[in-house]
Amino acid sequence: MDPESEGPAVITVTPLQQMFASCTGAILTSLMVTPFDVVKIRLQAQNNPFPKVMDLWIICVSVKRKATKHGIRSQDISREHW
């Protein structure tokens, strides 16, 4: 038994198959990856990507401080209860 003859079968790919595979890969890349790149670039171009979330956070904190100032207790569950 010759060890060289037991190796995996070599599959030859024609230039036409290579061209088809590369075109298919390029099309799939442009359809699937490019939209994510556009979203990433637009998010990076913004000064604050989550302005509304931060505005809501500031409102919640200020309401909680005002309520505490007027003697209204919070309904938060502290770690002591766990």
PDB file of N, CA and C in Angstrom:
ATOM      1  N   MET A   1       0.842  -1.182   0.000  1.00  0.00           N
ATOM      2  CA  MET A   1       0.000   0.000   0.000  1.00  0.00           C
ATOM      3  C   MET A   1       0.883   1.240   0.000  1.00  0.00           C
ATOM      4  N   ASP A   2       0.687   2.053  -0.961  1.00  0.00           N
ATOM      5  CA  ASP A   2       1.452   3.284  -1.096  1.00  0.00           C
ATOM      6  C   ASP A   2       0.720   4.404  -0.338  1.00  0.00           C
ATOM      7  N   PRO A   3       1.373   5.073   0.657  1.00  0.00           N
ATOM      8  CA  PRO A   3       0.679   6.105   1.430  1.00  0.00           C
ATOM      9  C   PRO A   3       0.282   7.310   0.590  1.00  0.00           C
ATOM     10  N   GLU A   4       0.966   7.568  -0.491  1.00  0.00           N
ATOM     11  CA  GLU A   4       0.624   8.724  -1.306  1.00  0.00           C
ATOM     12  C   GLU A   4      -0.652   8.492  -2.104  1.00  0.00           C
ATOM     13  N   SER A   5      -0.981   7.275  -2.412  1.00  0.00           N
ATOM     14  CA  SER A   5      -2.172   7.000  -3.211  1.00  0.00           C
ATOM     15  C   SER A   5      -3.443   7.011  -2.367  1.00  0.00           C
ATOM     16  N   GLU A   6      -3.335   6.993  -1.032  1.00  0.00           N
ATOM     17  CA  GLU A   6      -4.512   6.966  -0.171  1.00  0.00           C
ATOM     18  C   GLU A   6      -4.964   8.351   0.275  1.00  0.00           C
ATOM     19  N   GLY A   7      -4.355   9.409  -0.204  1.00  0.00           N
ATOM     20  CA  GLY A   7      -4.714  10.767   0.194  1.00  0.00           C
ATOM     21  C   GLY A   7      -6.090  11.152  -0.341  1.00  0.00           C
ATOM     22  N   PRO A   8      -6.563  12.302   0.051  1.00  0.00           N
ATOM     23  CA  PRO A   8      -7.877  12.759  -0.421  1.00  0.00           C
ATOM     24  C   PRO A   8      -7.859  13.022  -1.923  1.00  0.00           C
ATOM     25  N   ALA A   9      -9.006  12.875  -2.520  1.00  0.00           N
ATOM     26  CA  ALA A   9      -9.124  13.095  -3.955  1.00  0.00           C
ATOM     27  C   ALA A   9      -8.970  14.581  -4.255  1.00  0.00           C
ATOM     28  N   VAL A  10      -8.250  14.888  -5.288  1.00  0.00           N
ATOM     29  CA  VAL A  10      -8.030  16.271  -5.688  1.00  0.00           C
ATOM     30  C   VAL A  10      -9.137  16.667  -6.653  1.00  0.00           C
ATOM     31  N   ILE A  11      -9.833  17.753  -6.302  1.00  0.00           N
ATOM     32  CA  ILE A  11     -10.918  18.239  -7.154  1.00  0.00           C
ATOM     33  C   ILE A  11     -10.398  19.469  -7.886  1.00  0.00           C
ATOM     34  N   THR A  12     -10.460  19.429  -9.171  1.00  0.00           N
ATOM     35  CA  THR A  12      -9.998  20.571  -9.961  1.00  0.00           C
ATOM     36  C   THR A  12     -11.171  21.512 -10.211  1.00  0.00           C
ATOM     37  N   VAL A  13     -10.881  22.801 -10.119  1.00  0.00           N
ATOM     38  CA  VAL A  13     -11.896  23.824 -10.336  1.00  0.00           C
ATOM     39  C   VAL A  13     -11.521  24.577 -11.597  1.00  0.00           C
ATOM     40  N   THR A  14     -12.473  24.673 -12.485  1.00  0.00           N
ATOM     41  CA  THR A  14     -12.211  25.360 -13.750  1.00  0.00           C
ATOM     42  C   THR A  14     -12.217  26.870 -13.532  1.00  0.00           C
ATOM     43  N   PRO A  15     -11.591  27.619 -14.419  1.00  0.00           N
ATOM     44  CA  PRO A  15     -11.615  29.086 -14.289  1.00  0.00           C
ATOM     45  C   PRO A  15     -13.039  29.658 -14.305  1.00  0.00           C
ATOM     46  N   LEU A  16     -13.939  29.038 -15.041  1.00  0.00           N
ATOM     47  CA  LEU A  16     -15.322  29.509 -15.073  1.00  0.00           C
ATOM     48  C   LEU A  16     -15.980  29.314 -13.700  1.00  0.00           C
ATOM     49  N   GLN A  17     -15.711  28.196 -13.039  1.00  0.00           N
ATOM     50  CA  GLN A  17     -16.254  27.959 -11.701  1.00  0.00           C
ATOM     51  C   GLN A  17     -15.667  28.938 -10.688  1.00  0.00           C
ATOM     52  N   GLN A  18     -14.383  29.236 -10.814  1.00  0.00           N
ATOM     53  CA  GLN A  18     -13.749  30.214  -9.926  1.00  0.00           C
ATOM     54  C   GLN A  18     -14.375  31.601 -10.111  1.00  0.00           C
ATOM     55  N   MET A  19     -14.622  31.967 -11.372  1.00  0.00           N
ATOM     56  CA  MET A  19     -15.223  33.257 -11.660  1.00  0.00           C
ATOM     57  C   MET A  19     -16.649  33.330 -11.093  1.00  0.00           C
ATOM     58  N   PHE A  20     -17.405  32.265 -11.243  1.00  0.00           N
ATOM     59  CA  PHE A  20     -18.768  32.221 -10.722  1.00  0.00           C
ATOM     60  C   PHE A  20     -18.769  32.312  -9.189  1.00  0.00           C
ATOM     61  N   ALA A  21     -17.851  31.600  -8.549  1.00  0.00           N
ATOM     62  CA  ALA A  21     -17.773  31.618  -7.085  1.00  0.00           C
ATOM     63  C   ALA A  21     -17.387  33.002  -6.571  1.00  0.00           C
ATOM     64  N   SER A  22     -16.443  33.657  -7.222  1.00  0.00           N
ATOM     65  CA  SER A  22     -16.028  34.983  -6.774  1.00  0.00           C
ATOM     66  C   SER A  22     -17.129  36.019  -6.995  1.00  0.00           C
ATOM     67  N   CYS A  23     -17.846  35.926  -8.098  1.00  0.00           N
ATOM     68  CA  CYS A  23     -18.962  36.853  -8.340  1.00  0.00           C
ATOM     69  C   CYS A  23     -20.078  36.639  -7.322  1.00  0.00           C
ATOM     70  N   THR A  24     -20.375  35.390  -7.006  1.00  0.00           N
ATOM     71  CA  THR A  24     -21.401  35.084  -6.015  1.00  0.00           C
ATOM     72  C   THR A  24     -21.005  35.618  -4.644  1.00  0.00           C
ATOM     73  N   GLY A  25     -19.760  35.451  -4.264  1.00  0.00           N
ATOM     74  CA  GLY A  25     -19.283  35.976  -2.988  1.00  0.00           C
ATOM     75  C   GLY A  25     -19.350  37.492  -2.929  1.00  0.00           C
ATOM     76  N   ALA A  26     -19.003  38.149  -4.017  1.00  0.00           N
ATOM     77  CA  ALA A  26     -19.043  39.615  -4.047  1.00  0.00           C
ATOM     78  C   ALA A  26     -20.478  40.117  -3.937  1.00  0.00           C
ATOM     79  N   ILE A  27     -21.403  39.466  -4.611  1.00  0.00           N
ATOM     80  CA  ILE A  27     -22.807  39.882  -4.552  1.00  0.00           C
ATOM     81  C   ILE A  27     -23.359  39.677  -3.149  1.00  0.00           C
ATOM     82  N   LEU A  28     -23.091  38.533  -2.555  1.00  0.00           N
ATOM     83  CA  LEU A  28     -23.582  38.273  -1.198  1.00  0.00           C
ATOM     84  C   LEU A  28     -22.985  39.254  -0.197  1.00  0.00           C
ATOM     85  N   THR A  29     -21.726  39.578  -0.360  1.00  0.00           N
ATOM     86  CA  THR A  29     -21.091  40.544   0.540  1.00  0.00           C
ATOM     87  C   THR A  29     -21.732  41.915   0.405  1.00  0.00           C
ATOM     88  N   SER A  30     -21.969  42.342  -0.813  1.00  0.00           N
ATOM     89  CA  SER A  30     -22.560  43.668  -1.010  1.00  0.00           C
ATOM     90  C   SER A  30     -23.991  43.731  -0.495  1.00  0.00           C
ATOM     91  N   LEU A  31     -24.722  42.636  -0.566  1.00  0.00           N
ATOM     92  CA  LEU A  31     -26.106  42.635  -0.093  1.00  0.00           C
ATOM     93  C   LEU A  31     -26.216  42.492   1.423  1.00  0.00           C
ATOM     94  N   MET A  32     -25.299  41.785   2.038  1.00  0.00           N
ATOM     95  CA  MET A  32     -25.445  41.482   3.460  1.00  0.00           C
ATOM     96  C   MET A  32     -24.558  42.329   4.367  1.00  0.00           C
ATOM     97  N   VAL A  33     -23.393  42.688   3.953  1.00  0.00           N
ATOM     98  CA  VAL A  33     -22.459  43.396   4.835  1.00  0.00           C
ATOM     99  C   VAL A  33     -22.577  44.907   4.685  1.00  0.00           C
ATOM    100  N   THR A  34     -22.788  45.396   3.497  1.00  0.00           N
ATOM    101  CA  THR A  34     -22.799  46.835   3.252  1.00  0.00           C
ATOM    102  C   THR A  34     -23.871  47.572   4.066  1.00  0.00           C
ATOM    103  N   PRO A  35     -25.106  47.058   4.190  1.00  0.00           N
ATOM    104  CA  PRO A  35     -26.082  47.784   5.026  1.00  0.00           C
ATOM    105  C   PRO A  35     -25.628  47.938   6.480  1.00  0.00           C
ATOM    106  N   PHE A  36     -24.955  46.932   7.032  1.00  0.00           N
ATOM    107  CA  PHE A  36     -24.461  47.038   8.395  1.00  0.00           C
ATOM    108  C   PHE A  36     -23.358  48.087   8.497  1.00  0.00           C
ATOM    109  N   ASP A  37     -22.539  48.198   7.476  1.00  0.00           N
ATOM    110  CA  ASP A  37     -21.491  49.225   7.474  1.00  0.00           C
ATOM    111  C   ASP A  37     -22.109  50.621   7.434  1.00  0.00           C
ATOM    112  N   VAL A  38     -23.171  50.783   6.672  1.00  0.00           N
ATOM    113  CA  VAL A  38     -23.840  52.082   6.593  1.00  0.00           C
ATOM    114  C   VAL A  38     -24.405  52.462   7.958  1.00  0.00           C
ATOM    115  N   VAL A  39     -25.058  51.525   8.629  1.00  0.00           N
ATOM    116  CA  VAL A  39     -25.615  51.791   9.959  1.00  0.00           C
ATOM    117  C   VAL A  39     -24.502  52.134  10.943  1.00  0.00           C
ATOM    118  N   LYS A  40     -23.414  51.395  10.897  1.00  0.00           N
ATOM    119  CA  LYS A  40     -22.289  51.641  11.807  1.00  0.00           C
ATOM    120  C   LYS A  40     -21.717  53.042  11.594  1.00  0.00           C
ATOM    121  N   ILE A  41     -21.539  53.440  10.351  1.00  0.00           N
ATOM    122  CA  ILE A  41     -20.969  54.749  10.047  1.00  0.00           C
ATOM    123  C   ILE A  41     -21.911  55.859  10.492  1.00  0.00           C
ATOM    124  N   ARG A  42     -23.204  55.675  10.281  1.00  0.00           N
ATOM    125  CA  ARG A  42     -24.165  56.708  10.702  1.00  0.00           C
ATOM    126  C   ARG A  42     -24.224  56.828  12.220  1.00  0.00           C
ATOM    127  N   LEU A  43     -24.137  55.708  12.923  1.00  0.00           N
ATOM    128  CA  LEU A  43     -24.115  55.774  14.389  1.00  0.00           C
ATOM    129  C   LEU A  43     -22.846  56.454  14.894  1.00  0.00           C
ATOM    130  N   GLN A  44     -21.726  56.198  14.242  1.00  0.00           N
ATOM    131  CA  GLN A  44     -20.476  56.823  14.655  1.00  0.00           C
ATOM    132  C   GLN A  44     -20.462  58.317  14.350  1.00  0.00           C
ATOM    133  N   ALA A  45     -21.219  58.740  13.329  1.00  0.00           N
ATOM    134  CA  ALA A  45     -21.235  60.149  12.946  1.00  0.00           C
ATOM    135  C   ALA A  45     -22.077  60.990  13.902  1.00  0.00           C
ATOM    136  N   GLN A  46     -22.984  60.366  14.633  1.00  0.00           N
ATOM    137  CA  GLN A  46     -23.827  61.095  15.571  1.00  0.00           C
ATOM    138  C   GLN A  46     -23.023  61.483  16.804  1.00  0.00           C
ATOM    139  N   ASN A  47     -23.400  62.615  17.386  1.00  0.00           N
ATOM    140  CA  ASN A  47     -22.754  63.035  18.626  1.00  0.00           C
ATOM    141  C   ASN A  47     -23.153  62.129  19.774  1.00  0.00           C
ATOM    142  N   ASN A  48     -24.439  61.863  19.888  1.00  0.00           N
ATOM    143  CA  ASN A  48     -24.953  61.010  20.945  1.00  0.00           C
ATOM    144  C   ASN A  48     -25.933  60.027  20.306  1.00  0.00           C
ATOM    145  N   PRO A  49     -25.563  58.778  20.144  1.00  0.00           N
ATOM    146  CA  PRO A  49     -26.429  57.841  19.445  1.00  0.00           C
ATOM    147  C   PRO A  49     -27.722  57.514  20.186  1.00  0.00           C
ATOM    148  N   PHE A  50     -27.799  57.781  21.499  1.00  0.00           N
ATOM    149  CA  PHE A  50     -28.999  57.464  22.261  1.00  0.00           C
ATOM    150  C   PHE A  50     -29.495  58.686  23.030  1.00  0.00           C
ATOM    151  N   PRO A  51     -29.860  59.768  22.347  1.00  0.00           N
ATOM    152  CA  PRO A  51     -30.234  60.975  23.087  1.00  0.00           C
ATOM    153  C   PRO A  51     -31.528  60.808  23.870  1.00  0.00           C
ATOM    154  N   LYS A  52     -32.501  60.105  23.325  1.00  0.00           N
ATOM    155  CA  LYS A  52     -33.788  59.973  24.006  1.00  0.00           C
ATOM    156  C   LYS A  52     -33.662  59.123  25.264  1.00  0.00           C
ATOM    157  N   VAL A  53     -32.838  58.113  25.229  1.00  0.00           N
ATOM    158  CA  VAL A  53     -32.651  57.275  26.406  1.00  0.00           C
ATOM    159  C   VAL A  53     -32.026  58.093  27.527  1.00  0.00           C
ATOM    160  N   MET A  54     -31.033  58.897  27.196  1.00  0.00           N
ATOM    161  CA  MET A  54     -30.380  59.715  28.209  1.00  0.00           C
ATOM    162  C   MET A  54     -31.333  60.783  28.741  1.00  0.00           C
ATOM    163  N   ASP A  55     -32.178  61.351  27.874  1.00  0.00           N
ATOM    164  CA  ASP A  55     -33.153  62.337  28.337  1.00  0.00           C
ATOM    165  C   ASP A  55     -34.120  61.705  29.327  1.00  0.00           C
ATOM    166  N   LEU A  56     -34.598  60.499  29.040  1.00  0.00           N
ATOM    167  CA  LEU A  56     -35.498  59.812  29.960  1.00  0.00           C
ATOM    168  C   LEU A  56     -34.808  59.503  31.282  1.00  0.00           C
ATOM    169  N   TRP A  57     -33.541  59.127  31.224  1.00  0.00           N
ATOM    170  CA  TRP A  57     -32.791  58.828  32.440  1.00  0.00           C
ATOM    171  C   TRP A  57     -32.679  60.082  33.317  1.00  0.00           C
ATOM    172  N   ILE A  58     -32.390  61.218  32.698  1.00  0.00           N
ATOM    173  CA  ILE A  58     -32.258  62.470  33.448  1.00  0.00           C
ATOM    174  C   ILE A  58     -33.593  62.843  34.091  1.00  0.00           C
ATOM    175  N   ILE A  59     -34.688  62.649  33.364  1.00  0.00           N
ATOM    176  CA  ILE A  59     -36.011  62.954  33.913  1.00  0.00           C
ATOM    177  C   ILE A  59     -36.314  62.053  35.104  1.00  0.00           C
ATOM    178  N   CYS A  60     -36.022  60.766  34.978  1.00  0.00           N
ATOM    179  CA  CYS A  60     -36.285  59.834  36.080  1.00  0.00           C
ATOM    180  C   CYS A  60     -35.467  60.193  37.321  1.00  0.00           C
ATOM    181  N   VAL A  61     -34.221  60.541  37.135  1.00  0.00           N
ATOM    182  CA  VAL A  61     -33.373  60.891  38.272  1.00  0.00           C
ATOM    183  C   VAL A  61     -33.873  62.161  38.938  1.00  0.00           C
ATOM    184  N   SER A  62     -34.257  63.155  38.146  1.00  0.00           N
ATOM    185  CA  SER A  62     -34.715  64.408  38.743  1.00  0.00           C
ATOM    186  C   SER A  62     -36.048  64.224  39.461  1.00  0.00           C
ATOM    187  N   VAL A  63     -36.954  63.401  38.926  1.00  0.00           N
ATOM    188  CA  VAL A  63     -38.228  63.126  39.598  1.00  0.00           C
ATOM    189  C   VAL A  63     -37.991  62.391  40.910  1.00  0.00           C
ATOM    190  N   LYS A  64     -37.072  61.445  40.895  1.00  0.00           N
ATOM    191  CA  LYS A  64     -36.764  60.701  42.119  1.00  0.00           C
ATOM    192  C   LYS A  64     -36.172  61.618  43.179  1.00  0.00           C
ATOM    193  N   ARG A  65     -35.309  62.532  42.787  1.00  0.00           N
ATOM    194  CA  ARG A  65     -34.719  63.476  43.747  1.00  0.00           C
ATOM    195  C   ARG A  65     -35.783  64.399  44.334  1.00  0.00           C
ATOM    196  N   LYS A  66     -36.696  64.884  43.475  1.00  0.00           N
ATOM    197  CA  LYS A  66     -37.755  65.763  43.972  1.00  0.00           C
ATOM    198  C   LYS A  66     -38.687  65.008  44.918  1.00  0.00           C
ATOM    199  N   ALA A  67     -38.991  63.755  44.568  1.00  0.00           N
ATOM    200  CA  ALA A  67     -39.865  62.962  45.436  1.00  0.00           C
ATOM    201  C   ALA A  67     -39.195  62.707  46.778  1.00  0.00           C
ATOM    202  N   THR A  68     -37.910  62.423  46.777  1.00  0.00           N
ATOM    203  CA  THR A  68     -37.179  62.183  48.020  1.00  0.00           C
ATOM    204  C   THR A  68     -37.133  63.461  48.857  1.00  0.00           C
ATOM    205  N   LYS A  69     -36.989  64.577  48.185  1.00  0.00           N
ATOM    206  CA  LYS A  69     -36.934  65.862  48.879  1.00  0.00           C
ATOM    207  C   LYS A  69     -38.254  66.152  49.602  1.00  0.00           C
ATOM    208  N   HIS A  70     -39.369  65.738  49.019  1.00  0.00           N
ATOM    209  CA  HIS A  70     -40.683  65.989  49.608  1.00  0.00           C
ATOM    210  C   HIS A  70     -41.164  64.845  50.492  1.00  0.00           C
ATOM    211  N   GLY A  71     -40.308  63.890  50.772  1.00  0.00           N
ATOM    212  CA  GLY A  71     -40.648  62.834  51.717  1.00  0.00           C
ATOM    213  C   GLY A  71     -41.332  61.627  51.111  1.00  0.00           C
ATOM    214  N   ILE A  72     -41.367  61.526  49.822  1.00  0.00           N
ATOM    215  CA  ILE A  72     -41.982  60.371  49.170  1.00  0.00           C
ATOM    216  C   ILE A  72     -40.915  59.297  49.015  1.00  0.00           C
ATOM    217  N   ARG A  73     -41.224  58.123  49.540  1.00  0.00           N
ATOM    218  CA  ARG A  73     -40.245  57.039  49.473  1.00  0.00           C
ATOM    219  C   ARG A  73     -40.306  56.340  48.124  1.00  0.00           C
ATOM    220  N   SER A  74     -39.188  55.801  47.716  1.00  0.00           N
ATOM    221  CA  SER A  74     -39.080  55.072  46.458  1.00  0.00           C
ATOM    222  C   SER A  74     -39.538  53.634  46.639  1.00  0.00           C
ATOM    223  N   GLN A  75     -39.983  53.014  45.583  1.00  0.00           N
ATOM    224  CA  GLN A  75     -40.398  51.616  45.611  1.00  0.00           C
ATOM    225  C   GLN A  75     -39.283  50.686  45.177  1.00  0.00           C
ATOM    226  N   ASP A  76     -38.042  51.168  45.184  1.00  0.00           N
ATOM    227  CA  ASP A  76     -36.904  50.348  44.770  1.00  0.00           C
ATOM    228  C   ASP A  76     -36.732  49.169  45.701  1.00  0.00           C
ATOM    229  N   ILE A  77     -36.315  48.051  45.146  1.00  0.00           N
ATOM    230  CA  ILE A  77     -35.966  46.883  45.941  1.00  0.00           C
ATOM    231  C   ILE A  77     -34.472  46.923  46.149  1.00  0.00           C
ATOM    232  N   SER A  78     -34.071  47.061  47.397  1.00  0.00           N
ATOM    233  CA  SER A  78     -32.644  47.140  47.661  1.00  0.00           C
ATOM    234  C   SER A  78     -32.050  45.753  47.735  1.00  0.00           C
ATOM    235  N   ARG A  79     -30.752  45.691  47.777  1.00  0.00           N
ATOM    236  CA  ARG A  79     -30.046  44.404  47.849  1.00  0.00           C
ATOM    237  C   ARG A  79     -30.263  43.717  49.190  1.00  0.00           C
ATOM    238  N   GLU A  80     -30.674  44.461  50.193  1.00  0.00           N
ATOM    239  CA  GLU A  80     -30.886  43.870  51.514  1.00  0.00           C
ATOM    240  C   GLU A  80     -32.042  42.870  51.495  1.00  0.00           C
ATOM    241  N   HIS A  81     -32.984  43.061  50.599  1.00  0.00           N
ATOM    242  CA  HIS A  81     -34.136  42.155  50.535  1.00  0.00           C
ATOM    243  C   HIS A  81     -33.792  40.812  49.909  1.00  0.00           C
ATOM    244  N   TRP A  82     -32.703  40.751  49.186  1.00  0.00           N
ATOM    245  CA  TRP A  82     -32.342  39.505  48.501  1.00  0.00           C
ATOM    246  C   TRP A  82     -31.576  38.674  49.435  1.00  0.00           C
TER     247      TRP A  82
END
